[in-house]
Amino acid sequence: DEHRDRAAEVQKLTDEMIAKIDEALASKEEEIMQV
Protein backbone atom coordinates (compact mmCIF):
# COMPACT_ATOMS: atom_id res chain seq x y z
CA ASP A 1 0.00 0.00 0.00
CA GLU A 2 1.50 3.30 -1.10
CA HIS A 3 0.13 5.24 1.86
CA ARG A 4 1.70 2.81 4.33
CA ASP A 5 5.06 3.02 2.51
CA ARG A 6 4.97 6.81 2.74
CA ALA A 7 4.08 6.67 6.43
CA ALA A 8 7.00 4.31 7.08
CA GLU A 9 9.31 6.67 5.19
CA VAL A 10 8.13 9.65 7.23
CA GLN A 11 8.57 7.65 10.44
CA LYS A 12 12.13 6.75 9.43
CA LEU A 13 12.97 10.38 8.70
CA THR A 14 11.40 11.44 11.99
CA ASP A 15 13.46 8.86 13.88
CA GLU A 16 16.62 10.13 12.17
CA MET A 17 15.80 13.74 13.07
CA ILE A 18 15.11 12.77 16.69
CA ALA A 19 18.42 10.89 16.83
CA LYS A 20 20.26 13.98 15.52
CA ILE A 21 18.50 16.24 18.03
CA ASP A 22 19.27 13.83 20.88
CA GLU A 23 22.92 13.83 19.81
CA ALA A 24 23.04 17.62 19.67
CA LEU A 25 21.42 17.91 23.10
CA ALA A 26 23.80 15.32 24.57
CA SER A 27 26.86 17.20 23.32
CA LYS A 28 25.42 20.49 24.59
CA GLU A 29 24.87 18.93 28.02
CA GLU A 30 28.49 17.74 28.03
CA GLU A 31 29.66 21.27 27.21
CA ILE A 32 27.55 22.68 30.04
CA MET A 33 28.86 20.06 32.49
CA GLN A 34 32.46 20.97 31.64
CA VAL A 35 31.97 24.63 32.57
PDB file of N, CA and C in Angstrom:
ATOM      1  N   ASP A   1       0.851  -1.199   0.000  1.00  0.00           N
ATOM      2  CA  ASP A   1       0.000   0.000   0.000  1.00  0.00           C
ATOM      3  C   ASP A   1       0.883   1.244   0.000  1.00  0.00           C
ATOM      4  N   GLU A   2       0.648   2.126  -0.935  1.00  0.00           N
ATOM      5  CA  GLU A   2       1.504   3.305  -1.100  1.00  0.00           C
ATOM      6  C   GLU A   2       1.468   4.207   0.127  1.00  0.00           C
ATOM      7  N   HIS A   3       0.269   4.371   0.692  1.00  0.00           N
ATOM      8  CA  HIS A   3       0.133   5.237   1.862  1.00  0.00           C
ATOM      9  C   HIS A   3       0.974   4.717   3.024  1.00  0.00           C
ATOM     10  N   ARG A   4       0.945   3.406   3.222  1.00  0.00           N
ATOM     11  CA  ARG A   4       1.702   2.805   4.327  1.00  0.00           C
ATOM     12  C   ARG A   4       3.203   2.988   4.096  1.00  0.00           C
ATOM     13  N   ASP A   5       3.646   2.832   2.837  1.00  0.00           N
ATOM     14  CA  ASP A   5       5.061   3.025   2.514  1.00  0.00           C
ATOM     15  C   ASP A   5       5.488   4.448   2.843  1.00  0.00           C
ATOM     16  N   ARG A   6       4.646   5.404   2.480  1.00  0.00           N
ATOM     17  CA  ARG A   6       4.967   6.805   2.736  1.00  0.00           C
ATOM     18  C   ARG A   6       5.023   7.062   4.244  1.00  0.00           C
ATOM     19  N   ALA A   7       4.103   6.486   4.980  1.00  0.00           N
ATOM     20  CA  ALA A   7       4.081   6.671   6.430  1.00  0.00           C
ATOM     21  C   ALA A   7       5.347   6.089   7.052  1.00  0.00           C
ATOM     22  N   ALA A   8       5.781   4.932   6.568  1.00  0.00           N
ATOM     23  CA  ALA A   8       6.999   4.311   7.082  1.00  0.00           C
ATOM     24  C   ALA A   8       8.207   5.189   6.774  1.00  0.00           C
ATOM     25  N   GLU A   9       8.212   5.794   5.590  1.00  0.00           N
ATOM     26  CA  GLU A   9       9.312   6.666   5.188  1.00  0.00           C
ATOM     27  C   GLU A   9       9.365   7.893   6.100  1.00  0.00           C
ATOM     28  N   VAL A  10       8.203   8.484   6.349  1.00  0.00           N
ATOM     29  CA  VAL A  10       8.126   9.652   7.229  1.00  0.00           C
ATOM     30  C   VAL A  10       8.596   9.270   8.629  1.00  0.00           C
ATOM     31  N   GLN A  11       8.174   8.104   9.102  1.00  0.00           N
ATOM     32  CA  GLN A  11       8.567   7.650  10.436  1.00  0.00           C
ATOM     33  C   GLN A  11      10.082   7.488  10.516  1.00  0.00           C
ATOM     34  N   LYS A  12      10.685   6.948   9.450  1.00  0.00           N
ATOM     35  CA  LYS A  12      12.131   6.747   9.430  1.00  0.00           C
ATOM     36  C   LYS A  12      12.845   8.095   9.490  1.00  0.00           C
ATOM     37  N   LEU A  13      12.366   9.057   8.702  1.00  0.00           N
ATOM     38  CA  LEU A  13      12.974  10.383   8.703  1.00  0.00           C
ATOM     39  C   LEU A  13      12.823  11.038  10.068  1.00  0.00           C
ATOM     40  N   THR A  14      11.646  10.875  10.669  1.00  0.00           N
ATOM     41  CA  THR A  14      11.396  11.442  11.990  1.00  0.00           C
ATOM     42  C   THR A  14      12.359  10.846  13.007  1.00  0.00           C
ATOM     43  N   ASP A  15      12.531   9.530  12.959  1.00  0.00           N
ATOM     44  CA  ASP A  15      13.461   8.864  13.880  1.00  0.00           C
ATOM     45  C   ASP A  15      14.872   9.407  13.704  1.00  0.00           C
ATOM     46  N   GLU A  16      15.273   9.620  12.440  1.00  0.00           N
ATOM     47  CA  GLU A  16      16.616  10.134  12.175  1.00  0.00           C
ATOM     48  C   GLU A  16      16.773  11.540  12.736  1.00  0.00           C
ATOM     49  N   MET A  17      15.744  12.376  12.551  1.00  0.00           N
ATOM     50  CA  MET A  17      15.803  13.742  13.070  1.00  0.00           C
ATOM     51  C   MET A  17      15.899  13.725  14.590  1.00  0.00           C
ATOM     52  N   ILE A  18      15.093  12.869  15.229  1.00  0.00           N
ATOM     53  CA  ILE A  18      15.113  12.774  16.687  1.00  0.00           C
ATOM     54  C   ILE A  18      16.491  12.329  17.161  1.00  0.00           C
ATOM     55  N   ALA A  19      17.085  11.374  16.458  1.00  0.00           N
ATOM     56  CA  ALA A  19      18.420  10.895  16.828  1.00  0.00           C
ATOM     57  C   ALA A  19      19.431  12.036  16.738  1.00  0.00           C
ATOM     58  N   LYS A  20      19.336  12.846  15.679  1.00  0.00           N
ATOM     59  CA  LYS A  20      20.257  13.976  15.517  1.00  0.00           C
ATOM     60  C   LYS A  20      20.061  14.990  16.635  1.00  0.00           C
ATOM     61  N   ILE A  21      18.802  15.285  16.966  1.00  0.00           N
ATOM     62  CA  ILE A  21      18.502  16.245  18.026  1.00  0.00           C
ATOM     63  C   ILE A  21      19.012  15.724  19.365  1.00  0.00           C
ATOM     64  N   ASP A  22      18.775  14.434  19.636  1.00  0.00           N
ATOM     65  CA  ASP A  22      19.267  13.833  20.879  1.00  0.00           C
ATOM     66  C   ASP A  22      20.777  13.976  20.967  1.00  0.00           C
ATOM     67  N   GLU A  23      21.466  13.721  19.846  1.00  0.00           N
ATOM     68  CA  GLU A  23      22.921  13.827  19.813  1.00  0.00           C
ATOM     69  C   GLU A  23      23.353  15.257  20.107  1.00  0.00           C
ATOM     70  N   ALA A  24      22.697  16.214  19.473  1.00  0.00           N
ATOM     71  CA  ALA A  24      23.036  17.617  19.669  1.00  0.00           C
ATOM     72  C   ALA A  24      22.817  18.016  21.124  1.00  0.00           C
ATOM     73  N   LEU A  25      21.705  17.588  21.702  1.00  0.00           N
ATOM     74  CA  LEU A  25      21.418  17.910  23.099  1.00  0.00           C
ATOM     75  C   LEU A  25      22.447  17.271  24.018  1.00  0.00           C
ATOM     76  N   ALA A  26      22.827  16.032  23.735  1.00  0.00           N
ATOM     77  CA  ALA A  26      23.799  15.323  24.566  1.00  0.00           C
ATOM     78  C   ALA A  26      25.134  16.059  24.552  1.00  0.00           C
ATOM     79  N   SER A  27      25.583  16.509  23.387  1.00  0.00           N
ATOM     80  CA  SER A  27      26.865  17.204  23.320  1.00  0.00           C
ATOM     81  C   SER A  27      26.766  18.565  23.998  1.00  0.00           C
ATOM     82  N   LYS A  28      25.616  19.215  23.898  1.00  0.00           N
ATOM     83  CA  LYS A  28      25.416  20.487  24.588  1.00  0.00           C
ATOM     84  C   LYS A  28      25.490  20.275  26.098  1.00  0.00           C
ATOM     85  N   GLU A  29      24.847  19.219  26.593  1.00  0.00           N
ATOM     86  CA  GLU A  29      24.872  18.929  28.020  1.00  0.00           C
ATOM     87  C   GLU A  29      26.303  18.699  28.487  1.00  0.00           C
ATOM     88  N   GLU A  30      27.098  17.988  27.681  1.00  0.00           N
ATOM     89  CA  GLU A  30      28.492  17.740  28.031  1.00  0.00           C
ATOM     90  C   GLU A  30      29.242  19.059  28.135  1.00  0.00           C
ATOM     91  N   GLU A  31      29.011  19.957  27.182  1.00  0.00           N
ATOM     92  CA  GLU A  31      29.664  21.268  27.212  1.00  0.00           C
ATOM     93  C   GLU A  31      29.300  22.007  28.491  1.00  0.00           C
ATOM     94  N   ILE A  32      28.020  21.987  28.846  1.00  0.00           N
ATOM     95  CA  ILE A  32      27.547  22.679  30.042  1.00  0.00           C
ATOM     96  C   ILE A  32      28.191  22.072  31.289  1.00  0.00           C
ATOM     97  N   MET A  33      28.278  20.737  31.329  1.00  0.00           N
ATOM     98  CA  MET A  33      28.860  20.059  32.485  1.00  0.00           C
ATOM     99  C   MET A  33      30.324  20.444  32.675  1.00  0.00           C
ATOM    100  N   GLN A  34      31.028  20.682  31.574  1.00  0.00           N
ATOM    101  CA  GLN A  34      32.461  20.975  31.641  1.00  0.00           C
ATOM    102  C   GLN A  34      32.730  22.368  32.189  1.00  0.00           C
ATOM    103  N   VAL A  35      31.762  23.243  32.113  1.00  0.00           N
ATOM    104  CA  VAL A  35      31.966  24.627  32.570  1.00  0.00           C
ATOM    105  C   VAL A  35      32.091  24.658  34.088  1.00  0.00           C
TER     106      VAL A  35
END
